[in-house]
N, C-alpha and C. Protein backbone atom coordinates (compact mmCIF):
# COMPACT_ATOMS: atom_id res chain seq x y z
N MET A 1 30.89 100.28 88.19
CA MET A 1 31.66 99.54 88.99
C MET A 1 33.27 100.21 89.26
N PRO A 2 33.04 100.46 90.70
CA PRO A 2 34.56 100.93 91.07
C PRO A 2 35.74 100.24 90.50
N GLU A 3 36.77 100.76 90.58
CA GLU A 3 38.00 100.48 90.08
C GLU A 3 38.89 99.71 91.07
N ASN A 4 39.09 98.46 90.92
CA ASN A 4 40.10 97.76 92.32
C ASN A 4 41.53 98.68 92.37
N ARG A 5 41.66 99.31 93.46
CA ARG A 5 42.83 99.86 93.72
C ARG A 5 43.76 98.99 94.62
N ARG A 6 43.48 97.88 95.03
CA ARG A 6 44.35 97.19 95.68
C ARG A 6 45.76 96.69 94.95
N GLU A 7 46.73 96.82 95.78
CA GLU A 7 48.04 96.27 94.82
C GLU A 7 48.05 94.74 94.77
N GLU A 8 47.18 94.04 95.71
CA GLU A 8 47.40 92.49 96.27
C GLU A 8 45.82 92.22 96.10
N GLU A 9 45.54 90.89 95.51
CA GLU A 9 44.49 90.64 95.57
C GLU A 9 43.95 90.14 97.10
N ARG A 10 42.70 90.51 97.40
CA ARG A 10 42.23 89.89 98.71
C ARG A 10 41.53 88.30 98.40
N LEU A 11 41.59 87.53 99.23
CA LEU A 11 41.13 86.18 98.86
C LEU A 11 39.59 85.97 99.92
N GLN A 12 38.68 85.76 99.43
CA GLN A 12 37.54 85.44 100.43
C GLN A 12 38.12 84.15 101.45
N ILE A 13 37.58 84.27 102.75
CA ILE A 13 38.25 83.02 103.46
C ILE A 13 36.71 82.61 103.70
N LEU A 14 36.85 80.88 103.42
CA LEU A 14 35.80 80.12 103.43
C LEU A 14 35.67 79.49 104.88
N GLY A 15 34.87 79.75 105.64
CA GLY A 15 34.75 79.23 106.95
C GLY A 15 35.31 80.56 107.87
N ALA A 16 35.88 80.07 109.17
CA ALA A 16 36.23 81.50 109.99
C ALA A 16 37.78 81.17 110.24
N LEU A 17 38.28 82.11 110.34
CA LEU A 17 39.57 82.66 110.27
C LEU A 17 39.95 83.69 111.99
N GLU A 18 40.27 82.87 112.88
CA GLU A 18 40.24 83.60 113.95
C GLU A 18 41.28 85.03 113.94
N GLY A 19 40.82 85.85 114.96
CA GLY A 19 41.82 87.14 115.22
C GLY A 19 41.14 87.81 116.56
N ASP A 20 41.95 88.72 116.99
CA ASP A 20 41.24 89.76 117.66
C ASP A 20 41.82 91.09 117.35
N ALA A 21 41.04 92.01 118.24
CA ALA A 21 41.60 93.52 118.01
C ALA A 21 41.68 94.34 119.38
N ARG A 22 42.61 94.95 119.14
CA ARG A 22 43.02 95.78 120.56
C ARG A 22 42.23 97.20 120.21
N VAL A 23 41.41 97.47 121.21
CA VAL A 23 40.87 98.72 121.35
C VAL A 23 41.24 99.48 122.50
N HIS A 24 41.46 100.42 122.40
CA HIS A 24 42.01 101.64 123.60
C HIS A 24 40.71 102.22 124.06
N GLN A 25 40.57 101.75 125.46
CA GLN A 25 39.13 102.35 125.82
C GLN A 25 39.76 102.87 127.33
N PRO A 26 39.28 103.87 128.01
CA PRO A 26 39.55 104.23 129.37
C PRO A 26 39.07 103.36 130.34
N ILE A 27 39.90 103.51 131.40
CA ILE A 27 39.36 102.49 132.60
C ILE A 27 39.83 103.42 133.72
N SER A 28 39.26 103.12 134.89
CA SER A 28 39.42 103.92 136.32
C SER A 28 39.90 102.71 137.14
N VAL A 29 41.25 102.80 137.71
CA VAL A 29 41.82 102.03 138.60
C VAL A 29 41.22 102.21 140.26
N ARG A 30 40.28 101.34 140.79
CA ARG A 30 39.85 101.53 141.94
C ARG A 30 40.82 101.22 143.11
N GLU A 31 41.50 99.82 143.02
CA GLU A 31 42.33 99.33 143.84
C GLU A 31 43.58 98.75 143.13
N LEU A 32 44.74 98.89 143.82
CA LEU A 32 46.11 98.34 143.04
C LEU A 32 46.91 97.77 143.98
N SER A 33 47.57 96.48 143.57
CA SER A 33 48.21 95.82 144.51
C SER A 33 49.54 95.52 143.49
N GLN A 34 50.47 94.98 143.82
CA GLN A 34 51.93 94.40 143.27
C GLN A 34 51.26 93.20 142.10
N HIS A 35 50.13 92.76 142.57
CA HIS A 35 49.50 91.59 141.80
C HIS A 35 48.49 91.69 140.88
N GLY A 36 47.69 92.82 141.25
CA GLY A 36 46.65 92.84 140.32
C GLY A 36 45.93 94.22 140.69
N ALA A 37 44.54 94.58 140.32
CA ALA A 37 43.84 95.59 140.15
C ALA A 37 42.55 95.34 140.21
N ARG A 38 41.83 96.26 140.67
CA ARG A 38 40.33 96.51 140.42
C ARG A 38 39.90 97.57 139.60
N ILE A 39 39.33 97.23 138.45
CA ILE A 39 39.13 98.60 137.52
C ILE A 39 37.69 98.64 137.43
N GLU A 40 37.22 99.82 136.99
CA GLU A 40 35.94 100.24 136.37
C GLU A 40 35.92 100.22 134.95
N THR A 41 35.13 99.84 134.13
CA THR A 41 34.88 100.24 132.50
C THR A 41 33.45 100.51 132.29
N ALA A 42 33.49 100.88 131.12
CA ALA A 42 32.20 100.98 130.51
C ALA A 42 31.68 100.00 129.65
N PHE A 43 32.33 98.68 129.75
CA PHE A 43 32.23 97.57 128.84
C PHE A 43 32.40 96.29 129.66
N PRO A 44 31.70 95.28 129.43
CA PRO A 44 32.09 93.96 130.14
C PRO A 44 33.55 93.50 129.39
N MET A 45 34.20 92.64 130.43
CA MET A 45 35.37 92.15 130.28
C MET A 45 35.11 90.48 130.02
N GLN A 46 35.66 89.70 129.19
CA GLN A 46 35.49 88.19 129.29
C GLN A 46 36.28 87.83 130.48
N LEU A 47 35.93 86.77 130.99
CA LEU A 47 36.83 85.91 131.95
C LEU A 47 37.81 85.46 131.37
N ASN A 48 38.87 85.53 131.93
CA ASN A 48 40.20 84.67 131.58
C ASN A 48 40.74 85.28 130.45
N SER A 49 40.30 86.38 129.83
CA SER A 49 40.76 87.01 128.62
C SER A 49 42.25 88.13 128.95
N LEU A 50 43.08 87.95 128.23
CA LEU A 50 44.29 88.79 128.43
C LEU A 50 44.25 90.01 127.59
N HIS A 51 44.80 91.24 128.90
CA HIS A 51 44.84 92.64 128.18
C HIS A 51 45.94 93.26 128.55
N GLU A 52 46.34 94.26 127.62
CA GLU A 52 47.46 95.08 128.12
C GLU A 52 46.89 96.50 128.87
N ILE A 53 47.31 96.84 129.72
CA ILE A 53 46.42 97.76 130.31
C ILE A 53 47.61 98.82 130.86
N ARG A 54 47.58 100.39 130.44
CA ARG A 54 48.39 101.24 130.81
C ARG A 54 47.71 101.83 132.01
N ILE A 55 48.68 101.95 132.99
CA ILE A 55 48.55 102.51 134.24
C ILE A 55 49.41 103.87 134.50
N ALA A 56 48.86 104.85 135.04
CA ALA A 56 49.33 106.10 135.39
C ALA A 56 49.96 105.95 136.75
N LEU A 57 51.03 106.10 137.02
CA LEU A 57 51.60 105.96 138.44
C LEU A 57 52.34 107.18 138.73
N GLY A 58 51.47 108.11 138.89
CA GLY A 58 51.92 109.47 139.14
C GLY A 58 52.38 109.98 137.82
N SER A 59 53.70 110.54 137.96
CA SER A 59 54.36 110.96 136.43
C SER A 59 54.91 110.06 135.91
N GLN A 60 54.80 108.34 136.23
CA GLN A 60 55.65 107.40 135.22
C GLN A 60 54.08 106.78 134.62
N SER A 61 54.18 106.00 133.73
CA SER A 61 53.09 105.19 133.17
C SER A 61 53.86 103.86 132.88
N VAL A 62 52.93 102.95 133.48
CA VAL A 62 53.42 101.49 132.87
C VAL A 62 52.60 100.74 131.93
N VAL A 63 52.83 99.75 131.51
CA VAL A 63 51.68 98.68 130.92
C VAL A 63 52.13 97.35 131.45
N VAL A 64 51.03 96.67 131.67
CA VAL A 64 50.93 95.63 132.49
C VAL A 64 50.00 94.58 131.64
N LYS A 65 50.32 93.29 131.51
CA LYS A 65 49.62 92.34 130.81
C LYS A 65 48.67 91.64 132.05
N GLY A 66 47.27 91.58 131.90
CA GLY A 66 46.46 91.13 132.89
C GLY A 66 45.42 90.24 132.49
N ARG A 67 45.18 89.30 133.40
CA ARG A 67 44.24 88.41 133.14
C ARG A 67 42.80 88.86 134.17
N VAL A 68 41.58 88.61 133.18
CA VAL A 68 40.30 89.15 133.91
C VAL A 68 39.82 87.76 134.87
N ALA A 69 39.96 88.08 136.29
CA ALA A 69 39.71 87.38 136.92
C ALA A 69 38.14 86.98 137.30
N HIS A 70 37.56 88.24 137.34
CA HIS A 70 36.08 88.50 137.22
C HIS A 70 35.55 89.83 136.83
N CYS A 71 34.22 89.91 136.61
CA CYS A 71 33.77 91.08 135.80
C CYS A 71 32.37 90.98 136.28
N HIS A 72 31.68 91.88 136.64
CA HIS A 72 30.46 92.14 137.16
C HIS A 72 29.74 93.71 137.10
N ILE A 73 28.36 93.86 136.86
CA ILE A 73 28.07 95.02 136.75
C ILE A 73 27.87 95.78 138.09
N HIS A 74 28.58 97.12 138.07
CA HIS A 74 28.65 97.66 139.48
C HIS A 74 27.66 98.64 139.56
N GLU A 75 27.17 99.46 138.69
CA GLU A 75 26.24 100.42 138.57
C GLU A 75 25.48 100.56 137.39
N ILE A 76 24.42 100.74 137.60
CA ILE A 76 23.40 101.22 136.24
C ILE A 76 22.69 102.51 136.57
N ASP A 77 22.68 103.45 135.47
CA ASP A 77 22.31 104.61 135.58
C ASP A 77 21.43 104.63 134.33
N ALA A 78 20.73 105.98 134.18
CA ALA A 78 20.09 106.10 132.78
C ALA A 78 21.06 106.30 131.35
N ASP A 79 22.13 106.92 131.75
CA ASP A 79 23.10 106.88 130.78
C ASP A 79 24.04 105.72 130.55
N ALA A 80 24.76 104.85 131.47
CA ALA A 80 25.53 104.16 131.17
C ALA A 80 25.48 102.89 132.20
N VAL A 81 26.25 102.05 131.85
CA VAL A 81 26.58 100.95 132.82
C VAL A 81 27.80 100.82 133.23
N ILE A 82 28.37 100.69 134.59
CA ILE A 82 29.61 100.70 134.91
C ILE A 82 29.94 99.15 135.36
N TYR A 83 31.01 98.53 134.74
CA TYR A 83 31.29 97.26 135.31
C TYR A 83 32.79 97.40 135.90
N ARG A 84 32.68 96.35 137.04
CA ARG A 84 34.17 96.21 137.82
C ARG A 84 34.81 95.04 137.44
N ALA A 85 35.73 95.05 137.27
CA ALA A 85 36.78 93.70 137.10
C ALA A 85 37.88 93.44 137.84
N GLY A 86 38.04 92.49 138.28
CA GLY A 86 39.36 92.11 139.01
C GLY A 86 40.43 91.58 138.01
N ILE A 87 41.69 92.17 137.82
CA ILE A 87 43.00 91.85 137.12
C ILE A 87 43.77 91.46 137.77
N GLU A 88 44.55 90.08 137.12
CA GLU A 88 45.35 89.59 137.85
C GLU A 88 46.71 89.76 136.94
N PHE A 89 47.74 90.63 137.44
CA PHE A 89 48.97 90.42 136.53
C PHE A 89 49.55 89.39 136.10
N VAL A 90 50.10 89.48 134.82
CA VAL A 90 50.74 88.08 134.58
C VAL A 90 52.07 88.72 133.72
N ASP A 91 53.07 87.73 133.85
CA ASP A 91 54.42 88.24 132.96
C ASP A 91 54.86 89.61 133.54
N LEU A 92 54.95 89.90 134.71
CA LEU A 92 55.26 91.43 134.98
C LEU A 92 56.60 91.60 135.09
N PRO A 93 57.14 92.17 134.27
CA PRO A 93 58.63 92.37 134.36
C PRO A 93 59.03 93.10 135.58
N GLU A 94 60.46 92.76 136.20
CA GLU A 94 60.84 93.25 137.24
C GLU A 94 60.73 94.71 137.70
N TRP A 95 61.24 95.57 136.58
CA TRP A 95 61.07 97.16 136.55
C TRP A 95 59.72 97.70 136.85
N VAL A 96 58.68 96.67 136.11
CA VAL A 96 57.44 97.45 136.25
C VAL A 96 56.92 96.95 137.74
N GLY A 97 57.21 95.92 138.34
CA GLY A 97 56.88 95.68 139.57
C GLY A 97 57.13 96.44 140.65
N SER A 98 58.56 96.85 140.32
CA SER A 98 59.39 97.71 141.21
C SER A 98 58.82 99.20 140.98
N ALA A 99 58.38 99.58 140.01
CA ALA A 99 57.58 100.93 139.86
C ALA A 99 56.33 100.96 140.59
N ILE A 100 55.54 99.91 140.65
CA ILE A 100 54.30 99.74 141.35
C ILE A 100 54.54 99.80 142.67
N ALA A 101 55.62 98.99 143.05
CA ALA A 101 55.86 98.98 144.52
C ALA A 101 56.25 100.32 145.37
N GLN A 102 57.08 100.92 144.48
CA GLN A 102 57.24 102.49 144.67
C GLN A 102 56.22 103.30 144.72
N PHE A 103 55.29 103.24 143.79
CA PHE A 103 54.16 104.12 143.97
C PHE A 103 53.11 103.64 144.90
N LEU A 104 52.98 102.46 145.39
CA LEU A 104 52.36 102.16 146.41
C LEU A 104 52.95 102.81 147.61
N ASP A 105 54.03 102.46 147.75
CA ASP A 105 54.79 102.83 149.16
C ASP A 105 54.77 104.28 149.27
N ALA A 106 54.60 105.29 148.15
CA ALA A 106 54.75 106.74 148.03
C ALA A 106 53.22 107.18 148.57
N VAL A 107 52.26 106.45 148.10
CA VAL A 107 50.72 106.46 148.45
C VAL A 107 50.81 106.34 149.71
N LYS A 108 51.31 105.20 150.47
CA LYS A 108 51.07 104.96 151.69
C LYS A 108 51.74 106.21 152.77
N ALA A 109 52.81 106.44 152.29
CA ALA A 109 53.43 107.66 152.91
C ALA A 109 52.75 108.75 153.10
N GLY A 110 52.21 109.04 151.82
CA GLY A 110 51.52 110.33 151.88
C GLY A 110 50.18 110.54 152.68
N ARG A 111 49.92 109.26 152.89
CA ARG A 111 48.34 108.91 153.81
C ARG A 111 48.94 109.01 155.22
N GLU A 112 50.09 108.70 155.49
CA GLU A 112 50.45 108.67 156.89
C GLU A 112 50.93 110.22 157.05
N GLY A 113 51.60 110.53 156.53
CA GLY A 113 52.18 112.16 156.88
C GLY A 113 51.16 113.15 156.38
């Protein structure tokens, strides 16, 4: 029998003790506004769930908290399923909103000129 190497005893939980896990997975941002985004993922996202999403805005990255407004299968092929989800930003810090606005303005200016 293996030796117990733990410094503290673990207790078995009878019933359920709720929790969640943060798993970093790549996403593709397909549309972006100051209030939300449309993203593509290789996994389904639960409606109304909250996620922290890192978005690369050119040379700057921001992390936003977003609520999943909708999610559906977008594409199926032999190797993968692609899901599209609508994300509504919540509790957006002012500096993050400004960074997104500046990025969007730069994209628009680049398309016009």
